[in-house]
Amino acid sequence: MRLISMKNIDMAVEGDILTIRVDLKREFGESKSGKSITIASTEGNVSVPEHEEIKIGLNIYRKK
């Protein structure tokens, strides 16, 4: 089993549908550039659950 480090992102696959859940109230501080506040991130490209060959890279942020 491979652990995937993600911030505030839950992914689930039902049939052929990928559902992504993010709590928009959470924050993880400034981005590396300092221009925005990170709300959620996959922290790079990760595999979609149950579909190792499909990758996703997601960042959700707001302006500082």
PDB file of N, CA and C in Angstrom:
ATOM      1  N   MET A   1       0.840  -1.188   0.000  1.00  0.00           N
ATOM      2  CA  MET A   1       0.000   0.000   0.000  1.00  0.00           C
ATOM      3  C   MET A   1       0.880   1.245   0.000  1.00  0.00           C
ATOM      4  N   ARG A   2       0.604   2.157  -0.915  1.00  0.00           N
ATOM      5  CA  ARG A   2       1.372   3.390  -1.035  1.00  0.00           C
ATOM      6  C   ARG A   2       0.613   4.536  -0.372  1.00  0.00           C
ATOM      7  N   LEU A   3       1.257   5.224   0.568  1.00  0.00           N
ATOM      8  CA  LEU A   3       0.630   6.383   1.188  1.00  0.00           C
ATOM      9  C   LEU A   3       0.814   7.597   0.296  1.00  0.00           C
ATOM     10  N   ILE A   4      -0.251   8.351   0.111  1.00  0.00           N
ATOM     11  CA  ILE A   4      -0.212   9.553  -0.710  1.00  0.00           C
ATOM     12  C   ILE A   4      -0.407  10.749   0.205  1.00  0.00           C
ATOM     13  N   SER A   5       0.551  11.675   0.169  1.00  0.00           N
ATOM     14  CA  SER A   5       0.470  12.867   0.986  1.00  0.00           C
ATOM     15  C   SER A   5      -0.280  13.955   0.228  1.00  0.00           C
ATOM     16  N   MET A   6      -1.460  14.290   0.722  1.00  0.00           N
ATOM     17  CA  MET A   6      -2.248  15.362   0.119  1.00  0.00           C
ATOM     18  C   MET A   6      -2.771  16.244   1.251  1.00  0.00           C
ATOM     19  N   LYS A   7      -3.015  17.496   0.920  1.00  0.00           N
ATOM     20  CA  LYS A   7      -3.561  18.426   1.897  1.00  0.00           C
ATOM     21  C   LYS A   7      -5.027  18.696   1.563  1.00  0.00           C
ATOM     22  N   ASN A   8      -5.936  18.233   2.437  1.00  0.00           N
ATOM     23  CA  ASN A   8      -7.342  18.613   2.376  1.00  0.00           C
ATOM     24  C   ASN A   8      -8.045  18.156   1.096  1.00  0.00           C
ATOM     25  N   ILE A   9      -7.652  17.035   0.552  1.00  0.00           N
ATOM     26  CA  ILE A   9      -8.299  16.502  -0.657  1.00  0.00           C
ATOM     27  C   ILE A   9      -8.651  15.040  -0.420  1.00  0.00           C
ATOM     28  N   ASP A  10      -9.923  14.712  -0.654  1.00  0.00           N
ATOM     29  CA  ASP A  10     -10.382  13.331  -0.630  1.00  0.00           C
ATOM     30  C   ASP A  10     -10.887  12.999  -2.022  1.00  0.00           C
ATOM     31  N   MET A  11     -10.443  11.879  -2.563  1.00  0.00           N
ATOM     32  CA  MET A  11     -10.875  11.448  -3.887  1.00  0.00           C
ATOM     33  C   MET A  11     -11.537  10.085  -3.770  1.00  0.00           C
ATOM     34  N   ALA A  12     -12.599   9.883  -4.539  1.00  0.00           N
ATOM     35  CA  ALA A  12     -13.277   8.597  -4.589  1.00  0.00           C
ATOM     36  C   ALA A  12     -13.735   8.338  -6.016  1.00  0.00           C
ATOM     37  N   VAL A  13     -13.692   7.082  -6.414  1.00  0.00           N
ATOM     38  CA  VAL A  13     -14.151   6.681  -7.739  1.00  0.00           C
ATOM     39  C   VAL A  13     -15.355   5.772  -7.568  1.00  0.00           C
ATOM     40  N   GLU A  14     -16.430   6.114  -8.277  1.00  0.00           N
ATOM     41  CA  GLU A  14     -17.618   5.271  -8.298  1.00  0.00           C
ATOM     42  C   GLU A  14     -17.975   5.047  -9.757  1.00  0.00           C
ATOM     43  N   GLY A  15     -17.795   3.818 -10.208  1.00  0.00           N
ATOM     44  CA  GLY A  15     -17.966   3.540 -11.633  1.00  0.00           C
ATOM     45  C   GLY A  15     -16.890   4.275 -12.415  1.00  0.00           C
ATOM     46  N   ASP A  16     -17.305   5.131 -13.319  1.00  0.00           N
ATOM     47  CA  ASP A  16     -16.363   5.918 -14.114  1.00  0.00           C
ATOM     48  C   ASP A  16     -16.300   7.376 -13.670  1.00  0.00           C
ATOM     49  N   ILE A  17     -16.821   7.677 -12.481  1.00  0.00           N
ATOM     50  CA  ILE A  17     -16.885   9.059 -11.996  1.00  0.00           C
ATOM     51  C   ILE A  17     -15.910   9.262 -10.839  1.00  0.00           C
ATOM     52  N   LEU A  18     -15.014  10.257 -11.000  1.00  0.00           N
ATOM     53  CA  LEU A  18     -14.098  10.666  -9.941  1.00  0.00           C
ATOM     54  C   LEU A  18     -14.726  11.836  -9.194  1.00  0.00           C
ATOM     55  N   THR A  19     -14.842  11.700  -7.871  1.00  0.00           N
ATOM     56  CA  THR A  19     -15.369  12.773  -7.035  1.00  0.00           C
ATOM     57  C   THR A  19     -14.250  13.285  -6.145  1.00  0.00           C
ATOM     58  N   ILE A  20     -14.099  14.604  -6.116  1.00  0.00           N
ATOM     59  CA  ILE A  20     -13.073  15.252  -5.298  1.00  0.00           C
ATOM     60  C   ILE A  20     -13.773  16.110  -4.259  1.00  0.00           C
ATOM     61  N   ARG A  21     -13.392  15.928  -2.992  1.00  0.00           N
ATOM     62  CA  ARG A  21     -13.975  16.717  -1.906  1.00  0.00           C
ATOM     63  C   ARG A  21     -12.885  17.557  -1.255  1.00  0.00           C
ATOM     64  N   VAL A  22     -13.195  18.851  -1.053  1.00  0.00           N
ATOM     65  CA  VAL A  22     -12.266  19.796  -0.439  1.00  0.00           C
ATOM     66  C   VAL A  22     -13.048  20.654   0.544  1.00  0.00           C
ATOM     67  N   ASP A  23     -12.521  20.814   1.752  1.00  0.00           N
ATOM     68  CA  ASP A  23     -13.113  21.715   2.739  1.00  0.00           C
ATOM     69  C   ASP A  23     -12.581  23.116   2.456  1.00  0.00           C
ATOM     70  N   LEU A  24     -13.422  23.993   1.928  1.00  0.00           N
ATOM     71  CA  LEU A  24     -12.992  25.326   1.512  1.00  0.00           C
ATOM     72  C   LEU A  24     -12.694  26.254   2.686  1.00  0.00           C
ATOM     73  N   LYS A  25     -13.011  25.834   3.902  1.00  0.00           N
ATOM     74  CA  LYS A  25     -12.727  26.658   5.085  1.00  0.00           C
ATOM     75  C   LYS A  25     -11.316  26.450   5.619  1.00  0.00           C
ATOM     76  N   ARG A  26     -10.667  25.363   5.234  1.00  0.00           N
ATOM     77  CA  ARG A  26      -9.312  25.076   5.728  1.00  0.00           C
ATOM     78  C   ARG A  26      -8.270  25.856   4.954  1.00  0.00           C
ATOM     79  N   GLU A  27      -7.174  26.166   5.636  1.00  0.00           N
ATOM     80  CA  GLU A  27      -6.054  26.857   5.004  1.00  0.00           C
ATOM     81  C   GLU A  27      -4.751  26.269   5.527  1.00  0.00           C
ATOM     82  N   PHE A  28      -3.708  26.326   4.682  1.00  0.00           N
ATOM     83  CA  PHE A  28      -2.406  25.777   5.043  1.00  0.00           C
ATOM     84  C   PHE A  28      -1.295  26.801   4.928  1.00  0.00           C
ATOM     85  N   GLY A  29      -1.645  28.073   5.007  1.00  0.00           N
ATOM     86  CA  GLY A  29      -0.633  29.116   4.973  1.00  0.00           C
ATOM     87  C   GLY A  29      -0.282  29.555   3.570  1.00  0.00           C
ATOM     88  N   GLU A  30       0.749  30.387   3.503  1.00  0.00           N
ATOM     89  CA  GLU A  30       1.171  30.973   2.235  1.00  0.00           C
ATOM     90  C   GLU A  30       1.753  29.924   1.284  1.00  0.00           C
ATOM     91  N   SER A  31       1.558  30.205   0.004  1.00  0.00           N
ATOM     92  CA  SER A  31       2.206  29.393  -1.026  1.00  0.00           C
ATOM     93  C   SER A  31       3.702  29.686  -1.006  1.00  0.00           C
ATOM     94  N   LYS A  32       4.461  28.931  -1.761  1.00  0.00           N
ATOM     95  CA  LYS A  32       5.910  29.157  -1.816  1.00  0.00           C
ATOM     96  C   LYS A  32       6.254  30.546  -2.328  1.00  0.00           C
ATOM     97  N   SER A  33       5.436  31.069  -3.253  1.00  0.00           N
ATOM     98  CA  SER A  33       5.700  32.404  -3.801  1.00  0.00           C
ATOM     99  C   SER A  33       5.282  33.506  -2.833  1.00  0.00           C
ATOM    100  N   GLY A  34       4.402  33.165  -1.877  1.00  0.00           N
ATOM    101  CA  GLY A  34       3.914  34.158  -0.930  1.00  0.00           C
ATOM    102  C   GLY A  34       2.769  35.001  -1.469  1.00  0.00           C
ATOM    103  N   LYS A  35       2.281  34.696  -2.662  1.00  0.00           N
ATOM    104  CA  LYS A  35       1.223  35.492  -3.284  1.00  0.00           C
ATOM    105  C   LYS A  35      -0.180  34.982  -2.975  1.00  0.00           C
ATOM    106  N   SER A  36      -0.275  33.763  -2.476  1.00  0.00           N
ATOM    107  CA  SER A  36      -1.596  33.181  -2.231  1.00  0.00           C
ATOM    108  C   SER A  36      -1.585  32.322  -0.965  1.00  0.00           C
ATOM    109  N   ILE A  37      -2.799  31.937  -0.538  1.00  0.00           N
ATOM    110  CA  ILE A  37      -2.989  31.059   0.619  1.00  0.00           C
ATOM    111  C   ILE A  37      -3.471  29.711   0.096  1.00  0.00           C
ATOM    112  N   THR A  38      -2.781  28.650   0.457  1.00  0.00           N
ATOM    113  CA  THR A  38      -3.138  27.304   0.005  1.00  0.00           C
ATOM    114  C   THR A  38      -4.337  26.787   0.793  1.00  0.00           C
ATOM    115  N   ILE A  39      -5.341  26.299   0.071  1.00  0.00           N
ATOM    116  CA  ILE A  39      -6.523  25.682   0.668  1.00  0.00           C
ATOM    117  C   ILE A  39      -6.439  24.164   0.559  1.00  0.00           C
ATOM    118  N   ALA A  40      -5.930  23.674  -0.574  1.00  0.00           N
ATOM    119  CA  ALA A  40      -5.802  22.230  -0.790  1.00  0.00           C
ATOM    120  C   ALA A  40      -4.770  21.967  -1.877  1.00  0.00           C
ATOM    121  N   SER A  41      -4.124  20.801  -1.800  1.00  0.00           N
ATOM    122  CA  SER A  41      -3.139  20.446  -2.813  1.00  0.00           C
ATOM    123  C   SER A  41      -2.888  18.942  -2.817  1.00  0.00           C
ATOM    124  N   THR A  42      -2.713  18.410  -4.018  1.00  0.00           N
ATOM    125  CA  THR A  42      -2.260  17.025  -4.121  1.00  0.00           C
ATOM    126  C   THR A  42      -0.755  16.947  -3.888  1.00  0.00           C
ATOM    127  N   GLU A  43      -0.092  18.087  -3.835  1.00  0.00           N
ATOM    128  CA  GLU A  43       1.365  18.181  -3.652  1.00  0.00           C
ATOM    129  C   GLU A  43       2.108  17.422  -4.739  1.00  0.00           C
ATOM    130  N   GLY A  44       1.753  17.743  -5.974  1.00  0.00           N
ATOM    131  CA  GLY A  44       2.345  17.088  -7.126  1.00  0.00           C
ATOM    132  C   GLY A  44       1.320  16.214  -7.813  1.00  0.00           C
ATOM    133  N   ASN A  45       1.770  15.434  -8.759  1.00  0.00           N
ATOM    134  CA  ASN A  45       0.868  14.542  -9.491  1.00  0.00           C
ATOM    135  C   ASN A  45       0.739  13.220  -8.751  1.00  0.00           C
ATOM    136  N   VAL A  46      -0.495  12.769  -8.575  1.00  0.00           N
ATOM    137  CA  VAL A  46      -0.772  11.504  -7.896  1.00  0.00           C
ATOM    138  C   VAL A  46      -1.731  10.683  -8.752  1.00  0.00           C
ATOM    139  N   SER A  47      -1.770   9.397  -8.486  1.00  0.00           N
ATOM    140  CA  SER A  47      -2.681   8.516  -9.213  1.00  0.00           C
ATOM    141  C   SER A  47      -4.095   8.634  -8.673  1.00  0.00           C
ATOM    142  N   VAL A  48      -5.052   8.523  -9.568  1.00  0.00           N
ATOM    143  CA  VAL A  48      -6.457   8.479  -9.187  1.00  0.00           C
ATOM    144  C   VAL A  48      -6.695   7.130  -8.515  1.00  0.00           C
ATOM    145  N   PRO A  49      -7.467   7.087  -7.406  1.00  0.00           N
ATOM    146  CA  PRO A  49      -7.724   5.807  -6.737  1.00  0.00           C
ATOM    147  C   PRO A  49      -8.250   4.750  -7.712  1.00  0.00           C
ATOM    148  N   GLU A  50      -7.702   3.559  -7.618  1.00  0.00           N
ATOM    149  CA  GLU A  50      -8.093   2.404  -8.423  1.00  0.00           C
ATOM    150  C   GLU A  50      -7.743   2.548  -9.908  1.00  0.00           C
ATOM    151  N   HIS A  51      -7.009   3.607 -10.286  1.00  0.00           N
ATOM    152  CA  HIS A  51      -6.616   3.833 -11.677  1.00  0.00           C
ATOM    153  C   HIS A  51      -5.179   4.365 -11.699  1.00  0.00           C
ATOM    154  N   GLU A  52      -4.250   3.517 -11.393  1.00  0.00           N
ATOM    155  CA  GLU A  52      -2.839   3.903 -11.266  1.00  0.00           C
ATOM    156  C   GLU A  52      -2.312   4.638 -12.500  1.00  0.00           C
ATOM    157  N   GLU A  53      -2.857   4.325 -13.671  1.00  0.00           N
ATOM    158  CA  GLU A  53      -2.363   4.928 -14.908  1.00  0.00           C
ATOM    159  C   GLU A  53      -2.891   6.343 -15.148  1.00  0.00           C
ATOM    160  N   ILE A  54      -3.899   6.774 -14.370  1.00  0.00           N
ATOM    161  CA  ILE A  54      -4.478   8.116 -14.519  1.00  0.00           C
ATOM    162  C   ILE A  54      -3.945   8.997 -13.394  1.00  0.00           C
ATOM    163  N   LYS A  55      -3.397  10.145 -13.770  1.00  0.00           N
ATOM    164  CA  LYS A  55      -2.783  11.050 -12.791  1.00  0.00           C
ATOM    165  C   LYS A  55      -3.589  12.337 -12.652  1.00  0.00           C
ATOM    166  N   ILE A  56      -3.470  12.959 -11.468  1.00  0.00           N
ATOM    167  CA  ILE A  56      -4.098  14.253 -11.219  1.00  0.00           C
ATOM    168  C   ILE A  56      -3.130  15.118 -10.422  1.00  0.00           C
ATOM    169  N   GLY A  57      -3.081  16.386 -10.756  1.00  0.00           N
ATOM    170  CA  GLY A  57      -2.319  17.378 -10.006  1.00  0.00           C
ATOM    171  C   GLY A  57      -3.254  18.550  -9.749  1.00  0.00           C
ATOM    172  N   LEU A  58      -3.503  18.863  -8.479  1.00  0.00           N
ATOM    173  CA  LEU A  58      -4.517  19.852  -8.144  1.00  0.00           C
ATOM    174  C   LEU A  58      -4.016  20.783  -7.049  1.00  0.00           C
ATOM    175  N   ASN A  59      -4.194  22.082  -7.269  1.00  0.00           N
ATOM    176  CA  ASN A  59      -3.921  23.091  -6.253  1.00  0.00           C
ATOM    177  C   ASN A  59      -5.136  24.002  -6.168  1.00  0.00           C
ATOM    178  N   ILE A  60      -5.596  24.259  -4.955  1.00  0.00           N
ATOM    179  CA  ILE A  60      -6.700  25.177  -4.729  1.00  0.00           C
ATOM    180  C   ILE A  60      -6.191  26.254  -3.782  1.00  0.00           C
ATOM    181  N   TYR A  61      -6.389  27.511  -4.155  1.00  0.00           N
ATOM    182  CA  TYR A  61      -5.825  28.609  -3.359  1.00  0.00           C
ATOM    183  C   TYR A  61      -6.673  29.856  -3.511  1.00  0.00           C
ATOM    184  N   ARG A  62      -6.386  30.840  -2.665  1.00  0.00           N
ATOM    185  CA  ARG A  62      -7.028  32.144  -2.785  1.00  0.00           C
ATOM    186  C   ARG A  62      -5.934  33.207  -2.723  1.00  0.00           C
ATOM    187  N   LYS A  63      -6.261  34.379  -3.228  1.00  0.00           N
ATOM    188  CA  LYS A  63      -5.291  35.470  -3.147  1.00  0.00           C
ATOM    189  C   LYS A  63      -5.062  35.855  -1.705  1.00  0.00           C
ATOM    190  N   LYS A  64      -3.845  36.276  -1.431  1.00  0.00           N
ATOM    191  CA  LYS A  64      -3.445  36.664  -0.078  1.00  0.00           C
ATOM    192  C   LYS A  64      -4.088  37.979   0.315  1.00  0.00           C
TER     193      LYS A  64
END
